[in-house]
Amino acid sequence: MNSASDSHPELSELPIGIFDSGVGGLTVYRALHEQLPDERFVYLGDTARVPYGTKSLATVERYAIENARFLESHGIKLLVVACNTASALALPAIRQSVGVDVIGVIEPGAKAAIQVAQGGSIGVIATEATVQSRAYATAIEELDKQIQVTERACPLFVSLAEEGWADTDVARAVASKYLSELKASHIRTLVLGCTHYPILKRVIQEAIGPEVLLIDSGEAAAREVQSLLQSRELRHSRNERMASERELCDDLDHFYVTDAAERFSRVAKRFLGVTPSVLEAVEVWGHDELRTH
């Protein structure tokens, strides 16, 4: 963990870095923006190499390190790994490769689920790769071995979110099919273990039932970021421009993608209601090289 802030108070003025394998991390960006409206953000979506879930551990680590170092080269005070696959497989490698604090989405989500479950069983929905990794189940079990965890892959949710079909009869039918077994198992808490899934929160809640509490891992990560910034005395100082009425994706936040910038912009509009004011295409390769075009 980096503690340079003790001797460099100007670090508080730097932005927070966020990376994801694609567009799903925008829900984490939104959660961070809402929790920390005075902060600036730099976001990298590795859209040229998505999905990470089909890649080997070595490849995911390499991509994640490249992304982390790219963002660090732009001057950040903290890094949020919004990608569940990279959080599950590459956090130790990322932390060794950069000189800033790194927070993933899995451990905060697991902690939040345990807090609200109060000993009851926990469900986790995620992509096939995240479910196969058992990352959430392992994180929960490490914190509380007595809690029963049931995981379910819901791959179609990603496409439904990106296509703007989150509030349709198709989405409701898919959610009902995916979540029927979890509903029958009487879970107390359900972790949304993919960054796309908060876009479908309404239909997921309808399908699983009102008595089940939903945990958004992005929101949980945002609370952990807030706590860490306070403990490191790295909160951005408030001024007129950085006020609570700041809009999502305004020109104080910089967005990078490695491919398909126009599509990213369209999906951002679906996810956030606005398109990024500053969106730039980049290539990132090796561990330290980058080229902007």
Protein backbone atom coordinates (compact mmCIF):
# COMPACT_ATOMS: atom_id res chain seq x y z
CA MET A 1 0.00 0.00 0.00
CA ASN A 2 1.23 3.43 -0.89
CA SER A 3 1.56 5.98 1.91
CA ALA A 4 3.28 8.77 0.00
CA SER A 5 0.42 11.10 0.88
CA ASP A 6 2.02 11.66 4.31
CA SER A 7 4.73 13.79 2.68
CA HIS A 8 2.97 14.85 -0.53
CA PRO A 9 -0.33 16.54 0.34
CA GLU A 10 -0.69 17.68 -3.29
CA LEU A 11 -1.55 14.10 -4.18
CA SER A 12 -5.06 14.80 -2.95
CA GLU A 13 -5.63 16.91 -6.07
CA LEU A 14 -4.90 14.00 -8.42
CA PRO A 15 -7.73 11.97 -10.02
CA ILE A 16 -8.78 8.43 -9.18
CA GLY A 17 -8.01 5.85 -11.88
CA ILE A 18 -10.55 3.20 -12.91
CA PHE A 19 -10.12 0.41 -15.43
CA ASP A 20 -12.37 -2.31 -16.79
CA SER A 21 -12.18 -4.75 -19.67
CA GLY A 22 -14.95 -2.77 -21.36
CA VAL A 23 -18.01 -0.68 -20.59
CA GLY A 24 -19.37 -2.42 -17.49
CA GLY A 25 -17.05 -0.48 -15.21
CA LEU A 26 -19.07 2.63 -15.98
CA THR A 27 -21.48 1.53 -13.23
CA VAL A 28 -18.51 1.59 -10.83
CA TYR A 29 -17.58 5.04 -12.13
CA ARG A 30 -21.14 6.20 -11.46
CA ALA A 31 -21.06 4.79 -7.91
CA LEU A 32 -17.73 6.50 -7.24
CA HIS A 33 -18.97 9.78 -8.69
CA GLU A 34 -22.08 9.68 -6.49
CA GLN A 35 -20.12 8.75 -3.36
CA LEU A 36 -17.26 11.20 -4.05
CA PRO A 37 -18.65 14.11 -6.07
CA ASP A 38 -15.61 16.31 -5.40
CA GLU A 39 -13.20 13.87 -7.03
CA ARG A 40 -11.96 13.68 -10.63
CA PHE A 41 -11.67 10.35 -12.48
CA VAL A 42 -9.66 8.81 -15.29
CA TYR A 43 -11.31 5.75 -16.83
CA LEU A 44 -9.79 3.16 -19.17
CA GLY A 45 -11.99 0.64 -20.96
CA ASP A 46 -9.91 -2.07 -22.63
CA THR A 47 -12.50 -2.57 -25.34
CA ALA A 48 -9.99 -3.99 -27.84
CA ARG A 49 -9.31 -7.04 -25.66
CA VAL A 50 -12.68 -7.69 -24.00
CA PRO A 51 -13.74 -10.20 -22.69
CA TYR A 52 -11.10 -11.12 -20.13
CA GLY A 53 -13.03 -14.14 -18.89
CA THR A 54 -11.90 -16.34 -21.77
CA LYS A 55 -8.21 -15.49 -21.31
CA SER A 56 -5.54 -17.32 -19.32
CA LEU A 57 -4.37 -16.12 -15.92
CA ALA A 58 -1.06 -14.93 -17.41
CA THR A 59 -2.86 -12.94 -20.11
CA VAL A 60 -5.31 -11.34 -17.67
CA GLU A 61 -2.40 -10.35 -15.43
CA ARG A 62 -0.52 -8.84 -18.38
CA TYR A 63 -3.52 -6.85 -19.59
CA ALA A 64 -4.30 -5.67 -16.07
CA ILE A 65 -0.73 -4.53 -15.43
CA GLU A 66 -0.65 -2.68 -18.74
CA ASN A 67 -3.89 -0.91 -17.89
CA ALA A 68 -2.76 -0.07 -14.36
CA ARG A 69 0.53 1.38 -15.52
CA PHE A 70 -1.17 3.35 -18.26
CA LEU A 71 -3.41 5.03 -15.71
CA GLU A 72 -0.54 5.54 -13.25
CA SER A 73 1.40 7.31 -16.01
CA HIS A 74 -1.44 9.84 -16.16
CA GLY A 75 -0.99 10.76 -12.52
CA ILE A 76 -3.54 9.12 -10.23
CA LYS A 77 -3.70 8.85 -6.45
CA LEU A 78 -5.58 5.54 -6.26
CA LEU A 79 -6.60 2.77 -8.66
CA VAL A 80 -9.97 1.01 -8.77
CA VAL A 81 -10.07 -2.30 -10.67
CA ALA A 82 -13.68 -2.31 -11.84
CA CYS A 83 -13.29 -5.57 -13.77
CA ASN A 84 -14.44 -8.64 -11.81
CA THR A 85 -12.14 -10.99 -13.73
CA ALA A 86 -9.08 -8.81 -13.12
CA SER A 87 -10.11 -8.36 -9.49
CA ALA A 88 -10.38 -12.12 -9.09
CA LEU A 89 -7.16 -13.07 -10.85
CA ALA A 90 -4.74 -10.17 -10.99
CA LEU A 91 -4.94 -7.94 -7.89
CA PRO A 92 -1.64 -9.17 -6.36
CA ALA A 93 0.18 -8.63 -9.66
CA ILE A 94 -1.37 -5.19 -10.11
CA ARG A 95 -0.41 -4.11 -6.60
CA GLN A 96 3.18 -5.17 -7.20
CA SER A 97 3.35 -3.22 -10.46
CA VAL A 98 2.15 0.24 -9.37
CA GLY A 99 2.93 2.66 -6.58
CA VAL A 100 -0.62 3.59 -5.58
CA ASP A 101 -3.29 1.88 -3.51
CA VAL A 102 -5.42 -0.60 -5.48
CA ILE A 103 -9.01 -1.57 -4.70
CA GLY A 104 -10.96 -4.27 -6.54
CA VAL A 105 -14.69 -4.95 -6.52
CA ILE A 106 -14.87 -8.50 -5.16
CA GLU A 107 -13.70 -8.10 -1.57
CA PRO A 108 -15.83 -4.98 -0.91
CA GLY A 109 -18.85 -6.80 -2.36
CA ALA A 110 -18.20 -9.84 -0.20
CA LYS A 111 -17.86 -7.71 2.95
CA ALA A 112 -21.06 -5.82 2.23
CA ALA A 113 -22.98 -9.04 1.60
CA ILE A 114 -21.88 -10.55 4.92
CA GLN A 115 -22.84 -7.40 6.81
CA VAL A 116 -26.42 -7.40 5.54
CA ALA A 117 -26.92 -11.19 5.39
CA GLN A 118 -26.60 -11.46 9.19
CA GLY A 119 -25.76 -15.13 8.98
CA GLY A 120 -28.26 -15.96 6.25
CA SER A 121 -27.31 -17.56 2.96
CA ILE A 122 -25.86 -15.45 0.15
CA GLY A 123 -26.39 -15.74 -3.59
CA VAL A 124 -23.96 -14.47 -6.20
CA ILE A 125 -24.77 -13.84 -9.85
CA ALA A 126 -21.92 -13.16 -12.25
CA THR A 127 -20.45 -14.09 -15.60
CA GLU A 128 -19.45 -17.70 -16.24
CA ALA A 129 -15.77 -16.88 -15.79
CA THR A 130 -16.29 -15.19 -12.42
CA VAL A 131 -18.49 -18.04 -11.18
CA GLN A 132 -15.95 -20.62 -12.31
CA SER A 133 -13.21 -18.74 -10.46
CA ARG A 134 -15.27 -18.93 -7.23
CA ALA A 135 -13.79 -15.53 -6.39
CA TYR A 136 -16.84 -14.25 -4.49
CA ALA A 137 -17.48 -17.55 -2.73
CA THR A 138 -13.84 -17.71 -1.62
CA ALA A 139 -13.84 -14.10 -0.42
CA ILE A 140 -17.04 -14.66 1.57
CA GLU A 141 -15.84 -17.95 3.03
CA GLU A 142 -12.54 -16.37 4.11
CA LEU A 143 -14.52 -13.79 6.08
CA ASP A 144 -17.20 -16.14 7.44
CA LYS A 145 -16.93 -19.89 6.93
CA GLN A 146 -20.43 -20.50 8.29
CA ILE A 147 -22.29 -18.67 5.51
CA GLN A 148 -23.66 -20.74 2.66
CA VAL A 149 -22.92 -19.29 -0.78
CA THR A 150 -24.75 -20.21 -3.99
CA GLU A 151 -23.46 -18.89 -7.31
CA ARG A 152 -25.24 -18.64 -10.67
CA ALA A 153 -23.88 -17.53 -14.03
CA CYS A 154 -26.14 -15.06 -15.90
CA PRO A 155 -24.23 -14.34 -19.13
CA LEU A 156 -27.15 -12.90 -21.11
CA PHE A 157 -27.50 -10.01 -18.66
CA VAL A 158 -24.41 -8.41 -20.21
CA SER A 159 -25.91 -8.24 -23.70
CA LEU A 160 -29.28 -7.08 -22.37
CA ALA A 161 -27.61 -4.20 -20.52
CA GLU A 162 -25.46 -3.11 -23.46
CA GLU A 163 -28.32 -3.29 -25.96
CA GLY A 164 -30.54 -1.14 -23.79
CA TRP A 165 -33.02 -3.97 -23.10
CA ALA A 166 -32.84 -3.74 -19.31
CA ASP A 167 -36.50 -2.83 -18.82
CA THR A 168 -38.17 -5.20 -21.29
CA ASP A 169 -40.24 -8.37 -21.16
CA VAL A 170 -37.25 -10.22 -22.62
CA ALA A 171 -35.09 -9.14 -19.68
CA ARG A 172 -37.81 -10.15 -17.22
CA ALA A 173 -38.13 -13.60 -18.81
CA VAL A 174 -34.37 -14.13 -18.74
CA ALA A 175 -34.10 -12.95 -15.13
CA SER A 176 -36.96 -15.22 -14.06
CA LYS A 177 -35.28 -18.20 -15.72
CA TYR A 178 -31.84 -17.47 -14.32
CA LEU A 179 -32.95 -16.71 -10.77
CA SER A 180 -35.67 -19.32 -10.18
CA GLU A 181 -33.35 -21.76 -8.39
CA LEU A 182 -31.79 -19.03 -6.26
CA LYS A 183 -35.24 -17.79 -5.31
CA ALA A 184 -36.27 -21.31 -4.30
CA SER A 185 -33.17 -21.62 -2.09
CA HIS A 186 -34.39 -18.71 0.07
CA ILE A 187 -31.22 -16.67 0.00
CA ARG A 188 -31.17 -13.53 2.15
CA THR A 189 -28.75 -11.48 0.05
CA LEU A 190 -27.82 -11.42 -3.64
CA VAL A 191 -24.48 -10.03 -4.86
CA LEU A 192 -24.48 -8.45 -8.31
CA GLY A 193 -21.09 -9.86 -9.24
CA CYS A 194 -20.77 -8.26 -12.66
CA THR A 195 -20.47 -4.56 -13.34
CA HIS A 196 -23.23 -4.73 -15.98
CA TYR A 197 -25.83 -6.14 -13.63
CA PRO A 198 -26.77 -2.93 -11.77
CA ILE A 199 -28.29 -1.77 -15.06
CA LEU A 200 -30.82 -4.61 -14.62
CA LYS A 201 -31.32 -4.08 -10.89
CA ARG A 202 -35.07 -3.49 -11.21
CA VAL A 203 -35.83 -6.71 -13.12
CA ILE A 204 -33.43 -8.69 -10.93
CA GLN A 205 -35.22 -7.46 -7.81
CA GLU A 206 -38.59 -8.34 -9.33
CA ALA A 207 -37.40 -11.85 -10.21
CA ILE A 208 -35.70 -12.66 -6.91
CA GLY A 209 -38.35 -11.07 -4.68
CA PRO A 210 -38.49 -7.94 -2.50
CA GLU A 211 -37.28 -9.74 0.62
CA VAL A 212 -33.81 -10.36 -0.88
CA LEU A 213 -31.31 -7.52 -0.45
CA LEU A 214 -29.21 -6.72 -3.52
CA ILE A 215 -25.53 -5.86 -3.12
CA ASP A 216 -23.93 -3.71 -5.82
CA SER A 217 -20.19 -4.46 -5.67
CA GLY A 218 -19.43 -1.13 -7.34
CA GLU A 219 -21.25 0.78 -4.60
CA ALA A 220 -19.42 -1.29 -1.98
CA ALA A 221 -16.07 -0.51 -3.65
CA ALA A 222 -16.95 3.19 -3.73
CA ARG A 223 -17.54 3.19 0.03
CA GLU A 224 -14.18 1.47 0.55
CA VAL A 225 -12.48 4.06 -1.68
CA GLN A 226 -14.05 6.85 0.38
CA SER A 227 -12.80 5.26 3.62
CA LEU A 228 -9.29 4.79 2.23
CA LEU A 229 -9.05 8.37 0.94
CA GLN A 230 -10.11 9.67 4.35
CA SER A 231 -7.57 7.52 6.19
CA ARG A 232 -4.81 8.61 3.79
CA GLU A 233 -5.96 12.25 3.92
CA LEU A 234 -6.29 12.14 0.14
CA ARG A 235 -9.80 13.59 -0.26
CA HIS A 236 -9.93 16.31 -2.90
CA SER A 237 -10.45 19.79 -1.46
CA ARG A 238 -13.82 21.28 -2.33
CA ASN A 239 -14.00 24.29 -4.62
CA GLU A 240 -16.63 25.92 -6.83
CA ARG A 241 -16.05 23.62 -9.79
CA MET A 242 -15.88 20.45 -7.74
CA ALA A 243 -19.26 20.81 -6.08
CA SER A 244 -21.88 18.19 -5.39
CA GLU A 245 -23.87 19.22 -8.46
CA ARG A 246 -21.06 18.09 -10.78
CA GLU A 247 -22.43 16.09 -13.70
CA LEU A 248 -21.42 12.61 -14.75
CA CYS A 249 -18.90 12.46 -17.59
CA ASP A 250 -18.18 16.21 -17.56
CA ASP A 251 -14.91 17.63 -18.84
CA LEU A 252 -13.15 17.12 -15.50
CA ASP A 253 -13.25 13.35 -16.07
CA HIS A 254 -11.19 11.74 -18.85
CA PHE A 255 -12.23 8.49 -20.56
CA TYR A 256 -9.93 6.28 -22.62
CA VAL A 257 -10.77 3.20 -24.70
CA THR A 258 -8.53 0.83 -26.64
CA ASP A 259 -11.08 0.35 -29.46
CA ALA A 260 -14.61 1.16 -30.62
CA ALA A 261 -14.90 4.63 -29.10
CA GLU A 262 -18.23 5.34 -30.82
CA ARG A 263 -19.84 2.20 -29.44
CA PHE A 264 -18.46 2.96 -25.97
CA SER A 265 -20.04 6.41 -26.18
CA ARG A 266 -23.42 4.92 -27.16
CA VAL A 267 -23.38 2.39 -24.32
CA ALA A 268 -22.27 5.09 -21.88
CA LYS A 269 -25.39 7.04 -22.83
CA ARG A 270 -27.51 3.94 -22.05
CA PHE A 271 -25.75 3.25 -18.75
CA LEU A 272 -25.33 6.80 -17.46
CA GLY A 273 -27.76 8.95 -19.41
CA VAL A 274 -24.92 11.06 -20.81
CA THR A 275 -21.93 10.59 -23.10
CA PRO A 276 -18.36 11.35 -21.96
CA SER A 277 -17.25 14.91 -22.69
CA VAL A 278 -13.63 13.76 -23.04
CA LEU A 279 -13.23 10.38 -24.76
CA GLU A 280 -9.97 9.31 -26.36
CA ALA A 281 -8.81 6.16 -28.17
CA VAL A 282 -5.44 4.74 -27.13
CA GLU A 283 -3.29 1.68 -27.68
CA VAL A 284 -1.62 0.11 -24.68
CA TRP A 285 0.89 -2.71 -24.94
CA GLY A 286 4.00 -4.02 -23.19
CA HIS A 287 4.04 -2.96 -19.55
CA ASP A 288 4.97 0.67 -19.87
CA GLU A 289 4.46 1.74 -23.47
CA LEU A 290 1.49 3.59 -24.84
CA ARG A 291 0.56 5.43 -27.99
CA THR A 292 -2.30 7.85 -28.46
CA HIS A 293 -4.06 8.21 -31.81
